[in-house]
Amino acid sequence: DFVDEHFYNYICVAIALIVFGIAFIVIETIHKGKDHK
């Protein structure tokens, strides 16, 4: 209920979309060519 009330809004959603979008790009760039354990 707390999450629905305080975080289910367009600002939080947009921030999460952008932050994790950047995370994907950064992580994939850093790990490019590396072997996975």
Full PDB file with SEQRES, HELIX, SHEET, SSBOND, CRYST1, ORIGX, SCALE, CONECT and MASTER records, all heavy atoms in Angstrom:
SEQRES   1 A   37  ASP PHE VAL ASP GLU HIS PHE TYR ASN TYR ILE CYS VAL          
SEQRES   2 A   37  ALA ILE ALA LEU ILE VAL PHE GLY ILE ALA PHE ILE VAL          
SEQRES   3 A   37  ILE GLU THR ILE HIS LYS GLY LYS ASP HIS LYS                  
HELIX    1 AA1 PHE A    2  HIS A    6  1                                   5    
HELIX    2 AA2 TYR A   10  HIS A   31  1                                  22    
CRYST1    1.000    1.000    1.000  90.00  90.00  90.00 P 1           1          
ORIGX1      1.000000  0.000000  0.000000        0.00000                         
ORIGX2      0.000000  1.000000  0.000000        0.00000                         
ORIGX3      0.000000  0.000000  1.000000        0.00000                         
SCALE1      1.000000  0.000000  0.000000        0.00000                         
SCALE2      0.000000  1.000000  0.000000        0.00000                         
SCALE3      0.000000  0.000000  1.000000        0.00000                         
ATOM      1  N   ASP A   1       0.828  -1.214   0.000  1.00  0.00           N  
ATOM      2  CA  ASP A   1       0.000   0.000   0.000  1.00  0.00           C  
ATOM      3  C   ASP A   1       0.862   1.264   0.000  1.00  0.00           C  
ATOM      4  O   ASP A   1       0.532   2.252  -0.669  1.00  0.00           O  
ATOM      5  CB  ASP A   1      -0.926   0.019   1.223  1.00  0.00           C  
ATOM      6  CG  ASP A   1      -2.005  -1.053   1.125  1.00  0.00           C  
ATOM      7  OD1 ASP A   1      -2.346  -1.440  -0.005  1.00  0.00           O  
ATOM      8  OD2 ASP A   1      -2.498  -1.508   2.179  1.00  0.00           O  
ATOM      9  N   PHE A   2       1.964   1.230   0.742  1.00  0.00           N  
ATOM     10  CA  PHE A   2       2.860   2.396   0.821  1.00  0.00           C  
ATOM     11  C   PHE A   2       3.453   2.707  -0.549  1.00  0.00           C  
ATOM     12  O   PHE A   2       3.510   3.867  -0.972  1.00  0.00           O  
ATOM     13  CB  PHE A   2       3.990   2.123   1.825  1.00  0.00           C  
ATOM     14  CG  PHE A   2       4.965   3.262   1.963  1.00  0.00           C  
ATOM     15  CD1 PHE A   2       4.709   4.303   2.831  1.00  0.00           C  
ATOM     16  CD2 PHE A   2       6.140   3.276   1.208  1.00  0.00           C  
ATOM     17  CE1 PHE A   2       5.610   5.367   2.954  1.00  0.00           C  
ATOM     18  CE2 PHE A   2       7.043   4.327   1.316  1.00  0.00           C  
ATOM     19  CZ  PHE A   2       6.781   5.377   2.199  1.00  0.00           C  
ATOM     20  N   VAL A   3       3.898   1.665  -1.253  1.00  0.00           N  
ATOM     21  CA  VAL A   3       4.487   1.847  -2.582  1.00  0.00           C  
ATOM     22  C   VAL A   3       3.459   2.418  -3.547  1.00  0.00           C  
ATOM     23  O   VAL A   3       3.741   3.352  -4.300  1.00  0.00           O  
ATOM     24  CB  VAL A   3       5.049   0.508  -3.117  1.00  0.00           C  
ATOM     25  CG1 VAL A   3       5.407   0.625  -4.595  1.00  0.00           C  
ATOM     26  CG2 VAL A   3       6.271   0.095  -2.314  1.00  0.00           C  
ATOM     27  N   ASP A   4       2.234   1.869  -3.533  1.00  0.00           N  
ATOM     28  CA  ASP A   4       1.174   2.365  -4.416  1.00  0.00           C  
ATOM     29  C   ASP A   4       0.884   3.843  -4.168  1.00  0.00           C  
ATOM     30  O   ASP A   4       0.664   4.615  -5.108  1.00  0.00           O  
ATOM     31  CB  ASP A   4      -0.113   1.548  -4.226  1.00  0.00           C  
ATOM     32  CG  ASP A   4      -0.030   0.181  -4.869  1.00  0.00           C  
ATOM     33  OD1 ASP A   4       0.898  -0.041  -5.676  1.00  0.00           O  
ATOM     34  OD2 ASP A   4      -0.882  -0.671  -4.560  1.00  0.00           O  
ATOM     35  N   GLU A   5       0.896   4.234  -2.899  1.00  0.00           N  
ATOM     36  CA  GLU A   5       0.533   5.600  -2.529  1.00  0.00           C  
ATOM     37  C   GLU A   5       1.636   6.612  -2.841  1.00  0.00           C  
ATOM     38  O   GLU A   5       1.360   7.728  -3.290  1.00  0.00           O  
ATOM     39  CB  GLU A   5       0.198   5.660  -1.038  1.00  0.00           C  
ATOM     40  CG  GLU A   5      -0.247   7.039  -0.564  1.00  0.00           C  
ATOM     41  CD  GLU A   5      -0.596   7.060   0.917  1.00  0.00           C  
ATOM     42  OE1 GLU A   5      -0.649   5.978   1.542  1.00  0.00           O  
ATOM     43  OE2 GLU A   5      -0.807   8.174   1.450  1.00  0.00           O  
ATOM     44  N   HIS A   6       2.894   6.229  -2.598  1.00  0.00           N  
ATOM     45  CA  HIS A   6       3.982   7.203  -2.686  1.00  0.00           C  
ATOM     46  C   HIS A   6       4.845   7.123  -3.952  1.00  0.00           C  
ATOM     47  O   HIS A   6       5.459   8.122  -4.351  1.00  0.00           O  
ATOM     48  CB  HIS A   6       4.898   7.055  -1.463  1.00  0.00           C  
ATOM     49  CG  HIS A   6       4.248   7.431  -0.168  1.00  0.00           C  
ATOM     50  ND1 HIS A   6       3.516   6.526   0.583  1.00  0.00           N  
ATOM     51  CD2 HIS A   6       4.200   8.616   0.497  1.00  0.00           C  
ATOM     52  CE1 HIS A   6       3.061   7.136   1.664  1.00  0.00           C  
ATOM     53  NE2 HIS A   6       3.451   8.393   1.639  1.00  0.00           N  
ATOM     54  N   PHE A   7       4.921   5.960  -4.561  1.00  0.00           N  
ATOM     55  CA  PHE A   7       5.845   5.806  -5.691  1.00  0.00           C  
ATOM     56  C   PHE A   7       5.163   5.537  -7.023  1.00  0.00           C  
ATOM     57  O   PHE A   7       5.812   5.562  -8.069  1.00  0.00           O  
ATOM     58  CB  PHE A   7       6.853   4.682  -5.408  1.00  0.00           C  
ATOM     59  CG  PHE A   7       7.735   4.943  -4.222  1.00  0.00           C  
ATOM     60  CD1 PHE A   7       7.894   3.986  -3.237  1.00  0.00           C  
ATOM     61  CD2 PHE A   7       8.391   6.159  -4.081  1.00  0.00           C  
ATOM     62  CE1 PHE A   7       8.707   4.221  -2.136  1.00  0.00           C  
ATOM     63  CE2 PHE A   7       9.198   6.409  -2.987  1.00  0.00           C  
ATOM     64  CZ  PHE A   7       9.360   5.442  -2.012  1.00  0.00           C  
ATOM     65  N   TYR A   8       3.869   5.246  -7.011  1.00  0.00           N  
ATOM     66  CA  TYR A   8       3.192   4.954  -8.270  1.00  0.00           C  
ATOM     67  C   TYR A   8       2.733   6.267  -8.905  1.00  0.00           C  
ATOM     68  O   TYR A   8       1.559   6.593  -8.942  1.00  0.00           O  
ATOM     69  CB  TYR A   8       1.998   4.021  -8.041  1.00  0.00           C  
ATOM     70  CG  TYR A   8       1.598   3.263  -9.296  1.00  0.00           C  
ATOM     71  CD1 TYR A   8       2.098   2.011  -9.571  1.00  0.00           C  
ATOM     72  CD2 TYR A   8       0.718   3.829 -10.218  1.00  0.00           C  
ATOM     73  CE1 TYR A   8       1.745   1.320 -10.719  1.00  0.00           C  
ATOM     74  CE2 TYR A   8       0.347   3.160 -11.369  1.00  0.00           C  
ATOM     75  CZ  TYR A   8       0.860   1.900 -11.613  1.00  0.00           C  
ATOM     76  OH  TYR A   8       0.507   1.236 -12.761  1.00  0.00           O  
ATOM     77  N   ASN A   9       3.708   7.025  -9.415  1.00  0.00           N  
ATOM     78  CA  ASN A   9       3.430   8.286 -10.101  1.00  0.00           C  
ATOM     79  C   ASN A   9       4.424   8.459 -11.238  1.00  0.00           C  
ATOM     80  O   ASN A   9       5.460   7.785 -11.290  1.00  0.00           O  
ATOM     81  CB  ASN A   9       3.500   9.466  -9.126  1.00  0.00           C  
ATOM     82  CG  ASN A   9       4.848   9.551  -8.425  1.00  0.00           C  
ATOM     83  OD1 ASN A   9       5.852   9.889  -9.040  1.00  0.00           O  
ATOM     84  ND2 ASN A   9       4.865   9.235  -7.130  1.00  0.00           N  
ATOM     85  N   TYR A  10       4.123   9.368 -12.128  1.00  0.00           N  
ATOM     86  CA  TYR A  10       4.922   9.460 -13.348  1.00  0.00           C  
ATOM     87  C   TYR A  10       6.368   9.890 -13.091  1.00  0.00           C  
ATOM     88  O   TYR A  10       7.291   9.494 -13.817  1.00  0.00           O  
ATOM     89  CB  TYR A  10       4.246  10.402 -14.353  1.00  0.00           C  
ATOM     90  CG  TYR A  10       4.467  11.877 -14.129  1.00  0.00           C  
ATOM     91  CD1 TYR A  10       5.549  12.538 -14.711  1.00  0.00           C  
ATOM     92  CD2 TYR A  10       3.580  12.621 -13.350  1.00  0.00           C  
ATOM     93  CE1 TYR A  10       5.746  13.894 -14.515  1.00  0.00           C  
ATOM     94  CE2 TYR A  10       3.772  13.975 -13.162  1.00  0.00           C  
ATOM     95  CZ  TYR A  10       4.849  14.607 -13.745  1.00  0.00           C  
ATOM     96  OH  TYR A  10       5.049  15.950 -13.554  1.00  0.00           O  
ATOM     97  N   ILE A  11       6.607  10.680 -12.046  1.00  0.00           N  
ATOM     98  CA  ILE A  11       7.977  11.143 -11.761  1.00  0.00           C  
ATOM     99  C   ILE A  11       8.864   9.972 -11.356  1.00  0.00           C  
ATOM    100  O   ILE A  11       9.978   9.790 -11.888  1.00  0.00           O  
ATOM    101  CB  ILE A  11       7.967  12.215 -10.651  1.00  0.00           C  
ATOM    102  CG1 ILE A  11       7.225  13.465 -11.132  1.00  0.00           C  
ATOM    103  CG2 ILE A  11       9.396  12.564 -10.247  1.00  0.00           C  
ATOM    104  CD1 ILE A  11       7.077  14.539 -10.077  1.00  0.00           C  
ATOM    105  N   CYS A  12       8.383   9.157 -10.406  1.00  0.00           N  
ATOM    106  CA  CYS A  12       9.163   7.992  -9.955  1.00  0.00           C  
ATOM    107  C   CYS A  12       9.377   6.997 -11.090  1.00  0.00           C  
ATOM    108  O   CYS A  12      10.465   6.435 -11.246  1.00  0.00           O  
ATOM    109  CB  CYS A  12       8.447   7.305  -8.788  1.00  0.00           C  
ATOM    110  SG  CYS A  12       8.534   8.229  -7.237  1.00  0.00           S  
ATOM    111  N   VAL A  13       8.326   6.769 -11.883  1.00  0.00           N  
ATOM    112  CA  VAL A  13       8.428   5.837 -13.001  1.00  0.00           C  
ATOM    113  C   VAL A  13       9.466   6.328 -14.016  1.00  0.00           C  
ATOM    114  O   VAL A  13      10.309   5.559 -14.482  1.00  0.00           O  
ATOM    115  CB  VAL A  13       7.054   5.650 -13.684  1.00  0.00           C  
ATOM    116  CG1 VAL A  13       7.212   4.893 -15.006  1.00  0.00           C  
ATOM    117  CG2 VAL A  13       6.109   4.899 -12.761  1.00  0.00           C  
ATOM    118  N   ALA A  14       9.413   7.613 -14.349  1.00  0.00           N  
ATOM    119  CA  ALA A  14      10.348   8.176 -15.324  1.00  0.00           C  
ATOM    120  C   ALA A  14      11.792   8.100 -14.830  1.00  0.00           C  
ATOM    121  O   ALA A  14      12.704   7.746 -15.589  1.00  0.00           O  
ATOM    122  CB  ALA A  14       9.973   9.624 -15.624  1.00  0.00           C  
ATOM    123  N   ILE A  15      11.999   8.414 -13.555  1.00  0.00           N  
ATOM    124  CA  ILE A  15      13.351   8.349 -12.983  1.00  0.00           C  
ATOM    125  C   ILE A  15      13.882   6.915 -13.042  1.00  0.00           C  
ATOM    126  O   ILE A  15      15.039   6.682 -13.426  1.00  0.00           O  
ATOM    127  CB  ILE A  15      13.355   8.870 -11.535  1.00  0.00           C  
ATOM    128  CG1 ILE A  15      13.105  10.382 -11.520  1.00  0.00           C  
ATOM    129  CG2 ILE A  15      14.688   8.553 -10.852  1.00  0.00           C  
ATOM    130  CD1 ILE A  15      12.909  10.960 -10.130  1.00  0.00           C  
ATOM    131  N   ALA A  16      13.041   5.954 -12.669  1.00  0.00           N  
ATOM    132  CA  ALA A  16      13.458   4.550 -12.689  1.00  0.00           C  
ATOM    133  C   ALA A  16      13.784   4.101 -14.113  1.00  0.00           C  
ATOM    134  O   ALA A  16      14.765   3.377 -14.346  1.00  0.00           O  
ATOM    135  CB  ALA A  16      12.363   3.676 -12.096  1.00  0.00           C  
ATOM    136  N   LEU A  17      12.968   4.515 -15.071  1.00  0.00           N  
ATOM    137  CA  LEU A  17      13.218   4.163 -16.474  1.00  0.00           C  
ATOM    138  C   LEU A  17      14.582   4.682 -16.922  1.00  0.00           C  
ATOM    139  O   LEU A  17      15.379   3.949 -17.521  1.00  0.00           O  
ATOM    140  CB  LEU A  17      12.124   4.757 -17.366  1.00  0.00           C  
ATOM    141  CG  LEU A  17      10.783   4.025 -17.396  1.00  0.00           C  
ATOM    142  CD1 LEU A  17       9.718   4.909 -18.038  1.00  0.00           C  
ATOM    143  CD2 LEU A  17      10.898   2.709 -18.154  1.00  0.00           C  
ATOM    144  N   ILE A  18      14.861   5.932 -16.630  1.00  0.00           N  
ATOM    145  CA  ILE A  18      16.104   6.553 -17.094  1.00  0.00           C  
ATOM    146  C   ILE A  18      17.320   5.993 -16.363  1.00  0.00           C  
ATOM    147  O   ILE A  18      18.335   5.665 -16.996  1.00  0.00           O  
ATOM    148  CB  ILE A  18      16.025   8.087 -16.922  1.00  0.00           C  
ATOM    149  CG1 ILE A  18      14.956   8.648 -17.871  1.00  0.00           C  
ATOM    150  CG2 ILE A  18      17.379   8.733 -17.181  1.00  0.00           C  
ATOM    151  CD1 ILE A  18      14.628  10.118 -17.629  1.00  0.00           C  
ATOM    152  N   VAL A  19      17.231   5.868 -15.042  1.00  0.00           N  
ATOM    153  CA  VAL A  19      18.375   5.383 -14.249  1.00  0.00           C  
ATOM    154  C   VAL A  19      18.783   3.978 -14.670  1.00  0.00           C  
ATOM    155  O   VAL A  19      19.975   3.698 -14.894  1.00  0.00           O  
ATOM    156  CB  VAL A  19      18.044   5.426 -12.742  1.00  0.00           C  
ATOM    157  CG1 VAL A  19      19.107   4.659 -11.947  1.00  0.00           C  
ATOM    158  CG2 VAL A  19      17.960   6.862 -12.252  1.00  0.00           C  
ATOM    159  N   PHE A  20      17.813   3.085 -14.820  1.00  0.00           N  
ATOM    160  CA  PHE A  20      18.167   1.715 -15.206  1.00  0.00           C  
ATOM    161  C   PHE A  20      18.517   1.629 -16.687  1.00  0.00           C  
ATOM    162  O   PHE A  20      19.232   0.717 -17.109  1.00  0.00           O  
ATOM    163  CB  PHE A  20      17.058   0.744 -14.830  1.00  0.00           C  
ATOM    164  CG  PHE A  20      17.273   0.113 -13.490  1.00  0.00           C  
ATOM    165  CD1 PHE A  20      17.008   0.833 -12.331  1.00  0.00           C  
ATOM    166  CD2 PHE A  20      17.782  -1.160 -13.366  1.00  0.00           C  
ATOM    167  CE1 PHE A  20      17.229   0.276 -11.084  1.00  0.00           C  
ATOM    168  CE2 PHE A  20      18.015  -1.723 -12.134  1.00  0.00           C  
ATOM    169  CZ  PHE A  20      17.739  -1.015 -10.977  1.00  0.00           C  
ATOM    170  N   GLY A  21      18.023   2.556 -17.484  1.00  0.00           N  
ATOM    171  CA  GLY A  21      18.454   2.619 -18.879  1.00  0.00           C  
ATOM    172  C   GLY A  21      19.934   2.939 -18.959  1.00  0.00           C  
ATOM    173  O   GLY A  21      20.695   2.294 -19.697  1.00  0.00           O  
ATOM    174  N   ILE A  22      20.354   3.930 -18.189  1.00  0.00           N  
ATOM    175  CA  ILE A  22      21.779   4.294 -18.122  1.00  0.00           C  
ATOM    176  C   ILE A  22      22.596   3.123 -17.582  1.00  0.00           C  
ATOM    177  O   ILE A  22      23.696   2.830 -18.071  1.00  0.00           O  
ATOM    178  CB  ILE A  22      21.973   5.548 -17.245  1.00  0.00           C  
ATOM    179  CG1 ILE A  22      21.308   6.761 -17.910  1.00  0.00           C  
ATOM    180  CG2 ILE A  22      23.445   5.815 -16.999  1.00  0.00           C  
ATOM    181  CD1 ILE A  22      21.255   7.999 -17.029  1.00  0.00           C  
ATOM    182  N   ALA A  23      22.040   2.435 -16.566  1.00  0.00           N  
ATOM    183  CA  ALA A  23      22.751   1.295 -15.961  1.00  0.00           C  
ATOM    184  C   ALA A  23      23.026   0.209 -16.994  1.00  0.00           C  
ATOM    185  O   ALA A  23      24.129  -0.359 -17.036  1.00  0.00           O  
ATOM    186  CB  ALA A  23      21.934   0.740 -14.801  1.00  0.00           C  
ATOM    187  N   PHE A  24      22.043  -0.096 -17.832  1.00  0.00           N  
ATOM    188  CA  PHE A  24      22.238  -1.102 -18.869  1.00  0.00           C  
ATOM    189  C   PHE A  24      23.390  -0.710 -19.799  1.00  0.00           C  
ATOM    190  O   PHE A  24      24.246  -1.529 -20.126  1.00  0.00           O  
ATOM    191  CB  PHE A  24      20.959  -1.277 -19.697  1.00  0.00           C  
ATOM    192  CG  PHE A  24      20.074  -2.378 -19.198  1.00  0.00           C  
ATOM    193  CD1 PHE A  24      18.755  -2.121 -18.855  1.00  0.00           C  
ATOM    194  CD2 PHE A  24      20.545  -3.672 -19.073  1.00  0.00           C  
ATOM    195  CE1 PHE A  24      17.932  -3.129 -18.392  1.00  0.00           C  
ATOM    196  CE2 PHE A  24      19.727  -4.692 -18.611  1.00  0.00           C  
ATOM    197  CZ  PHE A  24      18.420  -4.417 -18.270  1.00  0.00           C  
ATOM    198  N   ILE A  25      23.390   0.532 -20.246  1.00  0.00           N  
ATOM    199  CA  ILE A  25      24.411   0.996 -21.181  1.00  0.00           C  
ATOM    200  C   ILE A  25      25.797   0.950 -20.542  1.00  0.00           C  
ATOM    201  O   ILE A  25      26.769   0.465 -21.143  1.00  0.00           O  
ATOM    202  CB  ILE A  25      24.088   2.426 -21.654  1.00  0.00           C  
ATOM    203  CG1 ILE A  25      22.776   2.422 -22.451  1.00  0.00           C  
ATOM    204  CG2 ILE A  25      25.229   2.987 -22.510  1.00  0.00           C  
ATOM    205  CD1 ILE A  25      22.221   3.802 -22.740  1.00  0.00           C  
ATOM    206  N   VAL A  26      25.908   1.432 -19.301  1.00  0.00           N  
ATOM    207  CA  VAL A  26      27.195   1.462 -18.602  1.00  0.00           C  
ATOM    208  C   VAL A  26      27.711   0.050 -18.339  1.00  0.00           C  
ATOM    209  O   VAL A  26      28.881  -0.262 -18.611  1.00  0.00           O  
ATOM    210  CB  VAL A  26      27.072   2.248 -17.275  1.00  0.00           C  
ATOM    211  CG1 VAL A  26      28.345   2.099 -16.442  1.00  0.00           C  
ATOM    212  CG2 VAL A  26      26.783   3.712 -17.547  1.00  0.00           C  
ATOM    213  N   ILE A  27      26.845  -0.809 -17.811  1.00  0.00           N  
ATOM    214  CA  ILE A  27      27.268  -2.168 -17.472  1.00  0.00           C  
ATOM    215  C   ILE A  27      27.680  -2.948 -18.713  1.00  0.00           C  
ATOM    216  O   ILE A  27      28.701  -3.655 -18.717  1.00  0.00           O  
ATOM    217  CB  ILE A  27      26.148  -2.902 -16.713  1.00  0.00           C  
ATOM    218  CG1 ILE A  27      25.963  -2.284 -15.329  1.00  0.00           C  
ATOM    219  CG2 ILE A  27      26.472  -4.399 -16.569  1.00  0.00           C  
ATOM    220  CD1 ILE A  27      24.724  -2.748 -14.608  1.00  0.00           C  
ATOM    221  N   GLU A  28      26.903  -2.835 -19.774  1.00  0.00           N  
ATOM    222  CA  GLU A  28      27.249  -3.548 -21.007  1.00  0.00           C  
ATOM    223  C   GLU A  28      28.557  -3.016 -21.599  1.00  0.00           C  
ATOM    224  O   GLU A  28      29.346  -3.782 -22.142  1.00  0.00           O  
ATOM    225  CB  GLU A  28      26.119  -3.410 -22.030  1.00  0.00           C  
ATOM    226  CG  GLU A  28      24.884  -4.238 -21.718  1.00  0.00           C  
ATOM    227  CD  GLU A  28      25.109  -5.734 -21.945  1.00  0.00           C  
ATOM    228  OE1 GLU A  28      26.273  -6.169 -22.075  1.00  0.00           O  
ATOM    229  OE2 GLU A  28      24.111  -6.469 -21.988  1.00  0.00           O  
ATOM    230  N   THR A  29      28.816  -1.709 -21.479  1.00  0.00           N  
ATOM    231  CA  THR A  29      30.064  -1.136 -21.984  1.00  0.00           C  
ATOM    232  C   THR A  29      31.254  -1.644 -21.188  1.00  0.00           C  
ATOM    233  O   THR A  29      32.295  -2.019 -21.755  1.00  0.00           O  
ATOM    234  CB  THR A  29      30.011   0.409 -21.910  1.00  0.00           C  
ATOM    235  OG1 THR A  29      28.910   0.881 -22.699  1.00  0.00           O  
ATOM    236  CG2 THR A  29      31.301   1.014 -22.430  1.00  0.00           C  
ATOM    237  N   ILE A  30      31.099  -1.683 -19.864  1.00  0.00           N  
ATOM    238  CA  ILE A  30      32.187  -2.138 -18.993  1.00  0.00           C  
ATOM    239  C   ILE A  30      32.502  -3.617 -19.210  1.00  0.00           C  
ATOM    240  O   ILE A  30      33.663  -4.032 -19.215  1.00  0.00           O  
ATOM    241  CB  ILE A  30      31.829  -1.886 -17.505  1.00  0.00           C  
ATOM    242  CG1 ILE A  30      31.778  -0.385 -17.226  1.00  0.00           C  
ATOM    243  CG2 ILE A  30      32.844  -2.560 -16.579  1.00  0.00           C  
ATOM    244  CD1 ILE A  30      31.266  -0.041 -15.838  1.00  0.00           C  
ATOM    245  N   HIS A  31      31.441  -4.423 -19.400  1.00  0.00           N  
ATOM    246  CA  HIS A  31      31.623  -5.870 -19.507  1.00  0.00           C  
ATOM    247  C   HIS A  31      31.842  -6.358 -20.938  1.00  0.00           C  
ATOM    248  O   HIS A  31      31.973  -7.558 -21.167  1.00  0.00           O  
ATOM    249  CB  HIS A  31      30.402  -6.587 -18.915  1.00  0.00           C  
ATOM    250  CG  HIS A  31      30.361  -6.562 -17.421  1.00  0.00           C  
ATOM    251  ND1 HIS A  31      29.972  -5.457 -16.717  1.00  0.00           N  
ATOM    252  CD2 HIS A  31      30.666  -7.505 -16.497  1.00  0.00           C  
ATOM    253  CE1 HIS A  31      30.030  -5.720 -15.416  1.00  0.00           C  
ATOM    254  NE2 HIS A  31      30.448  -6.947 -15.253  1.00  0.00           N  
ATOM    255  N   LYS A  32      31.893  -5.438 -21.898  1.00  0.00           N  
ATOM    256  CA  LYS A  32      32.055  -5.851 -23.285  1.00  0.00           C  
ATOM    257  C   LYS A  32      33.365  -6.625 -23.485  1.00  0.00           C  
ATOM    258  O   LYS A  32      34.443  -6.159 -23.129  1.00  0.00           O  
ATOM    259  CB  LYS A  32      32.048  -4.625 -24.211  1.00  0.00           C  
ATOM    260  CG  LYS A  32      32.082  -4.978 -25.684  1.00  0.00           C  
ATOM    261  CD  LYS A  32      31.987  -3.739 -26.559  1.00  0.00           C  
ATOM    262  CE  LYS A  32      31.981  -4.116 -28.032  1.00  0.00           C  
ATOM    263  NZ  LYS A  32      31.877  -2.904 -28.907  1.00  0.00           N  
ATOM    264  N   GLY A  33      33.247  -7.813 -24.044  1.00  0.00           N  
ATOM    265  CA  GLY A  33      34.422  -8.634 -24.318  1.00  0.00           C  
ATOM    266  C   GLY A  33      34.919  -9.447 -23.140  1.00  0.00           C  
ATOM    267  O   GLY A  33      35.796 -10.307 -23.297  1.00  0.00           O  
ATOM    268  N   LYS A  34      34.375  -9.207 -21.947  1.00  0.00           N  
ATOM    269  CA  LYS A  34      34.816  -9.940 -20.768  1.00  0.00           C  
ATOM    270  C   LYS A  34      34.136 -11.305 -20.689  1.00  0.00           C  
ATOM    271  O   LYS A  34      32.999 -11.465 -21.114  1.00  0.00           O  
ATOM    272  CB  LYS A  34      34.517  -9.140 -19.491  1.00  0.00           C  
ATOM    273  CG  LYS A  34      35.379  -7.897 -19.329  1.00  0.00           C  
ATOM    274  CD  LYS A  34      35.122  -7.239 -17.979  1.00  0.00           C  
ATOM    275  CE  LYS A  34      36.021  -6.014 -17.781  1.00  0.00           C  
ATOM    276  NZ  LYS A  34      35.783  -5.369 -16.456  1.00  0.00           N  
ATOM    277  N   ASP A  35      34.849 -12.262 -20.124  1.00  0.00           N  
ATOM    278  CA  ASP A  35      34.298 -13.593 -19.953  1.00  0.00           C  
ATOM    279  C   ASP A  35      33.426 -13.627 -18.697  1.00  0.00           C  
ATOM    280  O   ASP A  35      33.766 -13.011 -17.685  1.00  0.00           O  
ATOM    281  CB  ASP A  35      35.433 -14.621 -19.817  1.00  0.00           C  
ATOM    282  CG  ASP A  35      34.925 -16.047 -19.895  1.00  0.00           C  
ATOM    283  OD1 ASP A  35      33.924 -16.275 -20.609  1.00  0.00           O  
ATOM    284  OD2 ASP A  35      35.508 -16.922 -19.236  1.00  0.00           O  
ATOM    285  N   HIS A  36      32.299 -14.331 -18.768  1.00  0.00           N  
ATOM    286  CA  HIS A  36      31.400 -14.416 -17.618  1.00  0.00           C  
ATOM    287  C   HIS A  36      31.730 -15.639 -16.771  1.00  0.00           C  
ATOM    288  O   HIS A  36      31.993 -16.724 -17.302  1.00  0.00           O  
ATOM    289  CB  HIS A  36      29.945 -14.494 -18.098  1.00  0.00           C  
ATOM    290  CG  HIS A  36      29.499 -13.279 -18.835  1.00  0.00           C  
ATOM    291  ND1 HIS A  36      29.559 -13.170 -20.209  1.00  0.00           N  
ATOM    292  CD2 HIS A  36      29.015 -12.086 -18.380  1.00  0.00           C  
ATOM    293  CE1 HIS A  36      29.110 -11.983 -20.575  1.00  0.00           C  
ATOM    294  NE2 HIS A  36      28.774 -11.312 -19.496  1.00  0.00           N  
ATOM    295  N   LYS A  37      31.698 -15.463 -15.461  1.00  0.00           N  
ATOM    296  CA  LYS A  37      32.012 -16.566 -14.550  1.00  0.00           C  
ATOM    297  C   LYS A  37      30.891 -17.594 -14.501  1.00  0.00           C  
ATOM    298  O   LYS A  37      31.131 -18.784 -14.319  1.00  0.00           O  
ATOM    299  CB  LYS A  37      32.257 -16.016 -13.139  1.00  0.00           C  
ATOM    300  CG  LYS A  37      33.438 -15.065 -13.021  1.00  0.00           C  
ATOM    301  CD  LYS A  37      33.599 -14.581 -11.591  1.00  0.00           C  
ATOM    302  CE  LYS A  37      32.422 -13.713 -11.166  1.00  0.00           C  
ATOM    303  NZ  LYS A  37      32.573 -13.176  -9.790  1.00  0.00           N  
TER     304      LYS A  37                                                      
MASTER        0    0    0    2    0    0    0    6  303    1    0    3          
END                                                                             
